[in-house]
Amino acid sequence: MIRLFDIVFSLFGLILGFPLLLFIYIAGLFDTGSPLFRQVRVGRYRQPFTLVKFRTMKVETASVASHLASAASITWLGRFLRRTKLDELPQLWNVLKGEMSLVGPRPNLFNQDELIAERELLGVYNARPGITGMAQVSDIDMSTPKLLAETDALMLRELTLLLYFKLLIQTVLGKGSGDRVAR
């Protein structure tokens, strides 16, 4: 049932949000010259997929987890997109394709060995990664791998349609601070 909601909401989000997506894309051309950010991430069953987001950091920023990147690399548009979580909108395409869910554990990089080991132990990779989840609305990010993996596993064990909608609503209303960056 959750997959059906993922398809419906991502399709409507892409169609209804197209003017906003286009506006952010054009603004991104002026901000960095390269408005879309693509990165290979760990997906369901540890299979790789290419995550798509709006770029929030300078093009030359190293490809590391957000908590390891310098805050100085965030652009003027990127600050706004991160604060409003609008940088996540292109991931609706990943959801529509079946690579992600709206709600699930945030997909990590393949070089995050500690997080991968913790998630593997707890069976987190049996689920599709998500745009948002319990960890995100609780301000838990990838800088605390064990806590993140435990929170992801708890969310997946307790995931019902009610929790799915609750987490989506909390995200839309701005609960959670997004990924931290190094100062």
N, C-alpha and C. Protein backbone atom coordinates (compact mmCIF):
# COMPACT_ATOMS: atom_id res chain seq x y z
N MET A 1 0.82 -1.20 0.00
CA MET A 1 0.00 0.00 0.00
C MET A 1 0.87 1.27 0.00
N ILE A 2 1.98 1.22 0.74
CA ILE A 2 2.86 2.38 0.83
C ILE A 2 3.44 2.70 -0.55
N ARG A 3 3.80 1.65 -1.31
CA ARG A 3 4.35 1.88 -2.66
C ARG A 3 3.33 2.60 -3.54
N LEU A 4 2.05 2.26 -3.41
CA LEU A 4 1.01 2.94 -4.18
C LEU A 4 0.96 4.43 -3.84
N PHE A 5 1.03 4.76 -2.54
CA PHE A 5 1.05 6.16 -2.13
C PHE A 5 2.31 6.86 -2.63
N ASP A 6 3.45 6.15 -2.60
CA ASP A 6 4.69 6.72 -3.13
C ASP A 6 4.51 7.12 -4.60
N ILE A 7 3.93 6.23 -5.39
CA ILE A 7 3.75 6.50 -6.82
C ILE A 7 2.81 7.68 -7.04
N VAL A 8 1.68 7.65 -6.38
CA VAL A 8 0.68 8.71 -6.55
C VAL A 8 1.23 10.07 -6.11
N PHE A 9 1.82 10.12 -4.91
CA PHE A 9 2.32 11.40 -4.39
C PHE A 9 3.50 11.93 -5.19
N SER A 10 4.41 11.05 -5.61
CA SER A 10 5.56 11.53 -6.38
C SER A 10 5.12 12.00 -7.76
N LEU A 11 4.19 11.32 -8.38
CA LEU A 11 3.69 11.74 -9.69
C LEU A 11 2.99 13.09 -9.59
N PHE A 12 2.10 13.23 -8.62
CA PHE A 12 1.42 14.52 -8.43
C PHE A 12 2.41 15.61 -8.05
N GLY A 13 3.38 15.27 -7.21
CA GLY A 13 4.39 16.25 -6.81
C GLY A 13 5.20 16.76 -7.99
N LEU A 14 5.57 15.85 -8.89
CA LEU A 14 6.34 16.25 -10.07
C LEU A 14 5.49 17.08 -11.03
N ILE A 15 4.24 16.70 -11.20
CA ILE A 15 3.36 17.43 -12.13
C ILE A 15 2.98 18.79 -11.56
N LEU A 16 2.46 18.80 -10.34
CA LEU A 16 2.02 20.06 -9.73
C LEU A 16 3.20 20.96 -9.36
N GLY A 17 4.32 20.35 -9.01
CA GLY A 17 5.49 21.12 -8.61
C GLY A 17 6.38 21.54 -9.77
N PHE A 18 6.00 21.19 -11.00
CA PHE A 18 6.87 21.49 -12.14
C PHE A 18 7.26 22.97 -12.23
N PRO A 19 6.33 23.92 -12.06
CA PRO A 19 6.76 25.33 -12.13
C PRO A 19 7.82 25.67 -11.08
N LEU A 20 7.66 25.16 -9.87
CA LEU A 20 8.64 25.40 -8.81
C LEU A 20 9.97 24.72 -9.14
N LEU A 21 9.91 23.49 -9.61
CA LEU A 21 11.13 22.78 -10.02
C LEU A 21 11.87 23.54 -11.11
N LEU A 22 11.14 24.05 -12.06
CA LEU A 22 11.74 24.81 -13.16
C LEU A 22 12.36 26.11 -12.64
N PHE A 23 11.66 26.80 -11.76
CA PHE A 23 12.18 28.05 -11.18
C PHE A 23 13.48 27.80 -10.42
N ILE A 24 13.50 26.75 -9.58
CA ILE A 24 14.70 26.43 -8.81
C ILE A 24 15.83 26.02 -9.76
N TYR A 25 15.51 25.28 -10.80
CA TYR A 25 16.52 24.87 -11.77
C TYR A 25 17.17 26.10 -12.41
N ILE A 26 16.34 27.05 -12.84
CA ILE A 26 16.86 28.27 -13.47
C ILE A 26 17.69 29.08 -12.47
N ALA A 27 17.19 29.22 -11.24
CA ALA A 27 17.96 29.93 -10.21
C ALA A 27 19.29 29.23 -9.97
N GLY A 28 19.28 27.90 -10.01
CA GLY A 28 20.50 27.12 -9.83
C GLY A 28 21.52 27.35 -10.93
N LEU A 29 21.03 27.64 -12.14
CA LEU A 29 21.95 27.96 -13.24
C LEU A 29 22.75 29.22 -12.91
N PHE A 30 22.08 30.20 -12.30
CA PHE A 30 22.76 31.44 -11.91
C PHE A 30 23.64 31.23 -10.68
N ASP A 31 23.24 30.33 -9.80
CA ASP A 31 23.96 30.11 -8.55
C ASP A 31 25.26 29.33 -8.77
N THR A 32 25.18 28.18 -9.44
CA THR A 32 26.37 27.32 -9.60
C THR A 32 26.66 26.96 -11.06
N GLY A 33 25.72 27.22 -11.94
CA GLY A 33 25.88 26.81 -13.33
C GLY A 33 25.52 25.35 -13.54
N SER A 34 25.31 24.61 -12.48
CA SER A 34 25.00 23.18 -12.54
C SER A 34 23.97 22.87 -11.46
N PRO A 35 22.69 23.11 -11.72
CA PRO A 35 21.67 23.06 -10.67
C PRO A 35 21.33 21.68 -10.11
N LEU A 36 21.61 20.64 -10.87
CA LEU A 36 21.28 19.30 -10.37
C LEU A 36 22.54 18.61 -9.86
N PHE A 37 22.37 17.92 -8.75
CA PHE A 37 23.43 17.16 -8.12
C PHE A 37 23.06 15.69 -8.23
N ARG A 38 23.94 14.90 -8.79
CA ARG A 38 23.72 13.46 -8.92
C ARG A 38 24.84 12.74 -8.18
N GLN A 39 24.46 11.72 -7.42
CA GLN A 39 25.46 10.99 -6.65
C GLN A 39 25.00 9.54 -6.48
N VAL A 40 25.91 8.62 -6.66
CA VAL A 40 25.58 7.21 -6.47
C VAL A 40 25.47 6.94 -4.97
N ARG A 41 24.37 6.33 -4.59
CA ARG A 41 24.09 6.02 -3.19
C ARG A 41 23.77 4.55 -3.03
N VAL A 42 23.74 4.10 -1.78
CA VAL A 42 23.39 2.73 -1.44
C VAL A 42 21.87 2.64 -1.38
N GLY A 43 21.29 1.74 -2.16
CA GLY A 43 19.85 1.58 -2.20
C GLY A 43 19.40 0.29 -1.52
N ARG A 44 18.19 -0.10 -1.85
CA ARG A 44 17.60 -1.33 -1.31
C ARG A 44 18.49 -2.52 -1.68
N TYR A 45 18.68 -3.40 -0.74
CA TYR A 45 19.55 -4.58 -0.88
C TYR A 45 20.98 -4.19 -1.23
N ARG A 46 21.38 -2.98 -0.82
CA ARG A 46 22.73 -2.44 -1.05
C ARG A 46 23.06 -2.28 -2.53
N GLN A 47 22.04 -2.15 -3.35
CA GLN A 47 22.25 -1.92 -4.78
C GLN A 47 22.48 -0.43 -5.03
N PRO A 48 23.39 -0.08 -5.92
CA PRO A 48 23.63 1.34 -6.21
C PRO A 48 22.51 1.95 -7.04
N PHE A 49 22.25 3.21 -6.80
CA PHE A 49 21.34 4.00 -7.63
C PHE A 49 21.83 5.44 -7.62
N THR A 50 21.41 6.20 -8.60
CA THR A 50 21.84 7.60 -8.69
C THR A 50 20.77 8.50 -8.12
N LEU A 51 21.07 9.11 -6.99
CA LEU A 51 20.17 10.04 -6.33
C LEU A 51 20.29 11.40 -7.01
N VAL A 52 19.16 12.08 -7.18
CA VAL A 52 19.14 13.40 -7.82
C VAL A 52 18.57 14.41 -6.83
N LYS A 53 19.30 15.52 -6.65
CA LYS A 53 18.86 16.62 -5.78
C LYS A 53 19.20 17.93 -6.47
N PHE A 54 18.68 19.01 -5.94
CA PHE A 54 19.17 20.31 -6.37
C PHE A 54 20.49 20.56 -5.66
N ARG A 55 21.45 21.09 -6.39
CA ARG A 55 22.77 21.36 -5.85
C ARG A 55 22.68 22.48 -4.80
N THR A 56 23.30 22.24 -3.64
CA THR A 56 23.32 23.25 -2.57
C THR A 56 24.74 23.69 -2.25
N MET A 57 25.73 22.99 -2.81
CA MET A 57 27.13 23.31 -2.54
C MET A 57 27.84 23.63 -3.85
N LYS A 58 28.95 24.29 -3.71
CA LYS A 58 29.76 24.63 -4.89
C LYS A 58 30.12 23.37 -5.66
N VAL A 59 30.25 23.51 -6.96
CA VAL A 59 30.51 22.36 -7.84
C VAL A 59 31.77 21.61 -7.44
N GLU A 60 32.80 22.30 -7.00
CA GLU A 60 34.09 21.65 -6.70
C GLU A 60 34.15 21.02 -5.30
N THR A 61 33.05 21.04 -4.55
CA THR A 61 33.01 20.46 -3.21
C THR A 61 33.24 18.95 -3.30
N ALA A 62 34.06 18.44 -2.39
CA ALA A 62 34.36 16.99 -2.36
C ALA A 62 33.09 16.19 -2.13
N SER A 63 33.03 15.03 -2.71
CA SER A 63 31.86 14.14 -2.59
C SER A 63 31.97 13.34 -1.29
N VAL A 64 31.55 13.98 -0.20
CA VAL A 64 31.57 13.35 1.12
C VAL A 64 30.20 13.54 1.76
N ALA A 65 29.97 12.83 2.86
CA ALA A 65 28.73 13.02 3.61
C ALA A 65 28.63 14.47 4.05
N SER A 66 27.42 15.00 4.11
CA SER A 66 27.20 16.42 4.43
C SER A 66 27.89 16.85 5.72
N HIS A 67 27.86 15.99 6.74
CA HIS A 67 28.45 16.39 8.03
C HIS A 67 29.97 16.54 7.95
N LEU A 68 30.57 16.06 6.85
CA LEU A 68 32.03 16.20 6.67
C LEU A 68 32.38 17.36 5.74
N ALA A 69 31.38 17.93 5.07
CA ALA A 69 31.61 19.05 4.15
C ALA A 69 31.65 20.36 4.92
N SER A 70 32.37 21.32 4.39
CA SER A 70 32.49 22.63 5.02
C SER A 70 31.24 23.48 4.77
N ALA A 71 30.79 24.18 5.79
CA ALA A 71 29.65 25.08 5.65
C ALA A 71 29.95 26.18 4.64
N ALA A 72 31.21 26.49 4.46
CA ALA A 72 31.61 27.54 3.50
C ALA A 72 31.33 27.13 2.07
N SER A 73 31.12 25.84 1.82
CA SER A 73 30.86 25.38 0.46
C SER A 73 29.39 25.52 0.07
N ILE A 74 28.52 25.85 1.02
CA ILE A 74 27.09 26.01 0.71
C ILE A 74 26.88 27.36 0.03
N THR A 75 26.12 27.35 -1.06
CA THR A 75 25.88 28.57 -1.84
C THR A 75 24.72 29.37 -1.24
N TRP A 76 24.52 30.59 -1.76
CA TRP A 76 23.41 31.43 -1.26
C TRP A 76 22.07 30.75 -1.52
N LEU A 77 21.89 30.16 -2.68
CA LEU A 77 20.64 29.45 -2.98
C LEU A 77 20.57 28.16 -2.15
N GLY A 78 21.71 27.51 -2.00
CA GLY A 78 21.77 26.27 -1.24
C GLY A 78 21.28 26.41 0.19
N ARG A 79 21.62 27.52 0.84
CA ARG A 79 21.16 27.76 2.21
C ARG A 79 19.64 27.76 2.28
N PHE A 80 19.04 28.47 1.33
CA PHE A 80 17.57 28.53 1.29
C PHE A 80 16.98 27.15 0.98
N LEU A 81 17.53 26.46 0.00
CA LEU A 81 17.00 25.15 -0.38
C LEU A 81 17.11 24.15 0.76
N ARG A 82 18.22 24.16 1.48
CA ARG A 82 18.39 23.25 2.61
C ARG A 82 17.43 23.58 3.75
N ARG A 83 17.30 24.88 4.04
CA ARG A 83 16.42 25.30 5.14
C ARG A 83 14.96 24.90 4.86
N THR A 84 14.54 25.02 3.61
CA THR A 84 13.15 24.71 3.24
C THR A 84 12.98 23.27 2.77
N LYS A 85 14.08 22.54 2.64
CA LYS A 85 14.12 21.15 2.16
C LYS A 85 13.70 21.02 0.69
N LEU A 86 13.68 22.13 -0.03
CA LEU A 86 13.32 22.10 -1.45
C LEU A 86 14.40 21.42 -2.29
N ASP A 87 15.61 21.30 -1.75
CA ASP A 87 16.67 20.60 -2.49
C ASP A 87 16.33 19.13 -2.70
N GLU A 88 15.41 18.60 -1.93
CA GLU A 88 15.02 17.19 -2.01
C GLU A 88 14.00 16.91 -3.12
N LEU A 89 13.34 17.93 -3.66
CA LEU A 89 12.25 17.71 -4.62
C LEU A 89 12.60 16.82 -5.81
N PRO A 90 13.77 16.94 -6.43
CA PRO A 90 14.06 16.06 -7.57
C PRO A 90 14.07 14.57 -7.21
N GLN A 91 14.18 14.25 -5.94
CA GLN A 91 14.15 12.85 -5.53
C GLN A 91 12.78 12.22 -5.75
N LEU A 92 11.77 13.04 -6.01
CA LEU A 92 10.47 12.47 -6.37
C LEU A 92 10.60 11.59 -7.61
N TRP A 93 11.55 11.93 -8.48
CA TRP A 93 11.83 11.10 -9.66
C TRP A 93 12.38 9.74 -9.22
N ASN A 94 13.29 9.74 -8.22
CA ASN A 94 13.80 8.47 -7.69
C ASN A 94 12.69 7.63 -7.08
N VAL A 95 11.73 8.30 -6.43
CA VAL A 95 10.60 7.59 -5.82
C VAL A 95 9.73 7.00 -6.92
N LEU A 96 9.40 7.77 -7.92
CA LEU A 96 8.56 7.30 -9.02
C LEU A 96 9.20 6.09 -9.71
N LYS A 97 10.52 6.11 -9.87
CA LYS A 97 11.23 5.00 -10.51
C LYS A 97 11.31 3.75 -9.63
N GLY A 98 10.99 3.88 -8.34
CA GLY A 98 11.04 2.73 -7.44
C GLY A 98 12.36 2.55 -6.74
N GLU A 99 13.28 3.50 -6.90
CA GLU A 99 14.58 3.42 -6.23
C GLU A 99 14.50 3.89 -4.79
N MET A 100 13.49 4.71 -4.51
CA MET A 100 13.32 5.27 -3.17
C MET A 100 11.85 5.25 -2.80
N SER A 101 11.59 5.55 -1.53
CA SER A 101 10.24 5.75 -1.02
C SER A 101 10.20 7.18 -0.49
N LEU A 102 9.02 7.70 -0.27
CA LEU A 102 8.94 9.01 0.37
C LEU A 102 9.45 8.91 1.80
N VAL A 103 9.14 7.79 2.47
CA VAL A 103 9.54 7.58 3.86
C VAL A 103 10.42 6.33 3.93
N GLY A 104 11.59 6.50 4.52
CA GLY A 104 12.53 5.40 4.67
C GLY A 104 13.85 5.93 5.17
N PRO A 105 14.82 5.06 5.36
CA PRO A 105 16.14 5.52 5.80
C PRO A 105 16.83 6.33 4.71
N ARG A 106 17.46 7.44 5.06
CA ARG A 106 18.16 8.26 4.05
C ARG A 106 19.28 7.43 3.43
N PRO A 107 19.39 7.47 2.11
CA PRO A 107 20.43 6.68 1.44
C PRO A 107 21.82 7.26 1.70
N ASN A 108 22.74 6.37 2.04
CA ASN A 108 24.10 6.80 2.35
C ASN A 108 25.04 6.55 1.18
N LEU A 109 26.26 7.04 1.34
CA LEU A 109 27.31 6.83 0.35
C LEU A 109 27.95 5.46 0.58
N PHE A 110 28.59 4.93 -0.44
CA PHE A 110 29.25 3.63 -0.32
C PHE A 110 30.51 3.69 0.54
N ASN A 111 31.05 4.89 0.80
CA ASN A 111 32.26 4.99 1.61
C ASN A 111 31.96 5.18 3.10
N GLN A 112 30.72 5.11 3.50
CA GLN A 112 30.35 5.26 4.91
C GLN A 112 30.31 3.87 5.57
N ASP A 113 31.49 3.30 5.74
CA ASP A 113 31.62 1.91 6.18
C ASP A 113 30.94 1.61 7.52
N GLU A 114 31.11 2.51 8.49
CA GLU A 114 30.52 2.26 9.80
C GLU A 114 29.00 2.23 9.73
N LEU A 115 28.41 3.15 9.00
CA LEU A 115 26.95 3.18 8.85
C LEU A 115 26.47 1.96 8.09
N ILE A 116 27.17 1.58 7.04
CA ILE A 116 26.78 0.40 6.26
C ILE A 116 26.78 -0.85 7.15
N ALA A 117 27.82 -1.01 7.95
CA ALA A 117 27.91 -2.17 8.84
C ALA A 117 26.75 -2.19 9.84
N GLU A 118 26.46 -1.04 10.45
CA GLU A 118 25.37 -0.96 11.44
C GLU A 118 24.02 -1.25 10.79
N ARG A 119 23.78 -0.66 9.62
CA ARG A 119 22.51 -0.89 8.92
C ARG A 119 22.38 -2.33 8.45
N GLU A 120 23.47 -2.91 8.01
CA GLU A 120 23.46 -4.30 7.55
C GLU A 120 23.06 -5.22 8.69
N LEU A 121 23.63 -5.00 9.88
CA LEU A 121 23.30 -5.82 11.06
C LEU A 121 21.82 -5.78 11.40
N LEU A 122 21.21 -4.61 11.18
CA LEU A 122 19.81 -4.41 11.58
C LEU A 122 18.81 -4.61 10.44
N GLY A 123 19.28 -5.01 9.27
CA GLY A 123 18.38 -5.29 8.15
C GLY A 123 17.77 -4.06 7.50
N VAL A 124 18.38 -2.91 7.69
CA VAL A 124 17.83 -1.66 7.15
C VAL A 124 17.81 -1.66 5.62
N TYR A 125 18.77 -2.35 5.01
CA TYR A 125 18.85 -2.34 3.54
C TYR A 125 17.79 -3.21 2.86
N ASN A 126 16.92 -3.85 3.63
CA ASN A 126 15.82 -4.60 3.04
C ASN A 126 14.69 -3.67 2.60
N ALA A 127 14.78 -2.42 2.96
CA ALA A 127 13.76 -1.43 2.61
C ALA A 127 14.31 -0.43 1.60
N ARG A 128 13.41 0.20 0.87
CA ARG A 128 13.83 1.29 -0.02
C ARG A 128 14.28 2.47 0.84
N PRO A 129 15.34 3.15 0.44
CA PRO A 129 15.71 4.37 1.16
C PRO A 129 14.64 5.43 0.93
N GLY A 130 14.61 6.44 1.79
CA GLY A 130 13.55 7.44 1.71
C GLY A 130 14.05 8.86 1.66
N ILE A 131 13.16 9.74 1.27
CA ILE A 131 13.45 11.17 1.28
C ILE A 131 13.45 11.68 2.71
N THR A 132 12.56 11.14 3.51
CA THR A 132 12.49 11.53 4.93
C THR A 132 12.20 10.31 5.76
N GLY A 133 12.39 10.46 7.06
CA GLY A 133 12.13 9.36 7.96
C GLY A 133 12.18 9.82 9.40
N MET A 134 12.09 8.87 10.30
CA MET A 134 12.08 9.18 11.73
C MET A 134 13.36 9.89 12.16
N ALA A 135 14.48 9.47 11.63
CA ALA A 135 15.76 10.10 12.01
C ALA A 135 15.79 11.56 11.58
N GLN A 136 15.29 11.85 10.39
CA GLN A 136 15.34 13.22 9.88
C GLN A 136 14.48 14.17 10.71
N VAL A 137 13.29 13.74 11.10
CA VAL A 137 12.44 14.63 11.90
C VAL A 137 12.89 14.68 13.36
N SER A 138 13.82 13.78 13.73
CA SER A 138 14.36 13.76 15.09
C SER A 138 15.76 14.38 15.16
N ASP A 139 16.20 15.02 14.07
CA ASP A 139 17.53 15.66 14.01
C ASP A 139 18.68 14.68 14.22
N ILE A 140 18.51 13.45 13.73
CA ILE A 140 19.60 12.47 13.78
C ILE A 140 20.13 12.35 12.36
N ASP A 141 21.43 12.57 12.20
CA ASP A 141 21.99 12.48 10.85
C ASP A 141 23.11 11.45 10.79
N MET A 142 23.83 11.44 9.69
CA MET A 142 24.84 10.41 9.45
C MET A 142 26.12 10.59 10.26
N SER A 143 26.19 11.64 11.08
CA SER A 143 27.37 11.83 11.93
C SER A 143 27.33 10.90 13.14
N THR A 144 26.19 10.27 13.40
CA THR A 144 26.05 9.30 14.49
C THR A 144 25.53 7.98 13.90
N PRO A 145 26.42 7.20 13.27
CA PRO A 145 25.99 6.03 12.50
C PRO A 145 25.20 4.99 13.29
N LYS A 146 25.63 4.67 14.50
CA LYS A 146 24.93 3.64 15.28
C LYS A 146 23.52 4.09 15.65
N LEU A 147 23.39 5.32 16.14
CA LEU A 147 22.07 5.86 16.50
C LEU A 147 21.18 5.96 15.26
N LEU A 148 21.75 6.39 14.15
CA LEU A 148 20.98 6.50 12.92
C LEU A 148 20.46 5.14 12.48
N ALA A 149 21.32 4.13 12.46
CA ALA A 149 20.91 2.78 12.05
C ALA A 149 19.83 2.23 12.98
N GLU A 150 19.98 2.45 14.28
CA GLU A 150 18.98 1.98 15.25
C GLU A 150 17.64 2.68 15.04
N THR A 151 17.68 3.98 14.78
CA THR A 151 16.45 4.74 14.54
C THR A 151 15.78 4.29 13.24
N ASP A 152 16.59 4.05 12.20
CA ASP A 152 16.05 3.55 10.93
C ASP A 152 15.37 2.20 11.13
N ALA A 153 16.03 1.30 11.86
CA ALA A 153 15.47 -0.04 12.08
C ALA A 153 14.16 0.05 12.88
N LEU A 154 14.13 0.91 13.89
CA LEU A 154 12.91 1.10 14.68
C LEU A 154 11.78 1.61 13.79
N MET A 155 12.08 2.61 12.95
CA MET A 155 11.06 3.15 12.05
C MET A 155 10.52 2.06 11.14
N LEU A 156 11.40 1.26 10.57
CA LEU A 156 10.96 0.21 9.64
C LEU A 156 10.12 -0.85 10.34
N ARG A 157 10.45 -1.18 11.58
CA ARG A 157 9.64 -2.15 12.33
C ARG A 157 8.25 -1.60 12.62
N GLU A 158 8.16 -0.30 12.88
CA GLU A 158 6.89 0.31 13.29
C GLU A 158 6.14 0.99 12.15
N LEU A 159 6.66 0.89 10.92
CA LEU A 159 6.09 1.65 9.80
C LEU A 159 4.70 1.15 9.41
N THR A 160 3.74 2.02 9.61
CA THR A 160 2.36 1.79 9.20
C THR A 160 1.97 2.98 8.33
N LEU A 161 0.79 2.92 7.73
CA LEU A 161 0.33 4.07 6.95
C LEU A 161 0.20 5.31 7.82
N LEU A 162 -0.21 5.14 9.06
CA LEU A 162 -0.34 6.28 9.97
C LEU A 162 1.02 6.93 10.22
N LEU A 163 2.05 6.13 10.51
CA LEU A 163 3.38 6.67 10.73
C LEU A 163 3.94 7.28 9.45
N TYR A 164 3.69 6.65 8.33
CA TYR A 164 4.10 7.17 7.01
C TYR A 164 3.59 8.60 6.82
N PHE A 165 2.29 8.79 7.03
CA PHE A 165 1.70 10.12 6.86
C PHE A 165 2.17 11.09 7.93
N LYS A 166 2.34 10.62 9.15
CA LYS A 166 2.82 11.47 10.24
C LYS A 166 4.20 12.02 9.91
N LEU A 167 5.11 11.16 9.44
CA LEU A 167 6.47 11.60 9.10
C LEU A 167 6.47 12.55 7.90
N LEU A 168 5.61 12.28 6.93
CA LEU A 168 5.51 13.20 5.78
C LEU A 168 5.02 14.57 6.22
N ILE A 169 4.00 14.60 7.05
CA ILE A 169 3.45 15.88 7.53
C ILE A 169 4.48 16.63 8.36
N GLN A 170 5.17 15.92 9.26
CA GLN A 170 6.20 16.57 10.08
C GLN A 170 7.29 17.18 9.19
N THR A 171 7.67 16.48 8.13
CA THR A 171 8.70 16.98 7.23
C THR A 171 8.22 18.21 6.49
N VAL A 172 7.01 18.17 5.97
CA VAL A 172 6.46 19.31 5.23
C VAL A 172 6.32 20.53 6.14
N LEU A 173 6.00 20.30 7.41
CA LEU A 173 5.87 21.39 8.37
C LEU A 173 7.20 21.87 8.92
N GLY A 174 8.31 21.26 8.46
CA GLY A 174 9.63 21.77 8.81
C GLY A 174 10.28 21.15 10.02
N LYS A 175 9.73 20.05 10.54
CA LYS A 175 10.38 19.40 11.70
C LYS A 175 11.70 18.78 11.24
N GLY A 176 12.74 18.94 12.04
CA GLY A 176 14.07 18.44 11.68
C GLY A 176 14.87 19.56 11.05
N SER A 177 16.17 19.48 11.21
CA SER A 177 17.02 20.58 10.75
C SER A 177 17.76 20.27 9.46
N GLY A 178 17.62 19.05 8.94
CA GLY A 178 18.36 18.69 7.74
C GLY A 178 19.76 18.25 8.09
N ASP A 179 20.54 17.92 7.09
CA ASP A 179 21.90 17.44 7.30
C ASP A 179 22.80 18.54 7.84
N ARG A 180 23.58 18.18 8.84
CA ARG A 180 24.56 19.11 9.39
C ARG A 180 25.75 19.23 8.43
N VAL A 181 26.45 20.30 8.53
CA VAL A 181 27.72 20.46 7.80
C VAL A 181 28.77 20.92 8.80
N ALA A 182 30.01 20.62 8.49
CA ALA A 182 31.12 21.03 9.37
C ALA A 182 31.21 22.55 9.40
N ARG A 183 31.56 23.09 10.52
CA ARG A 183 31.70 24.55 10.65
C ARG A 183 33.07 24.99 10.30
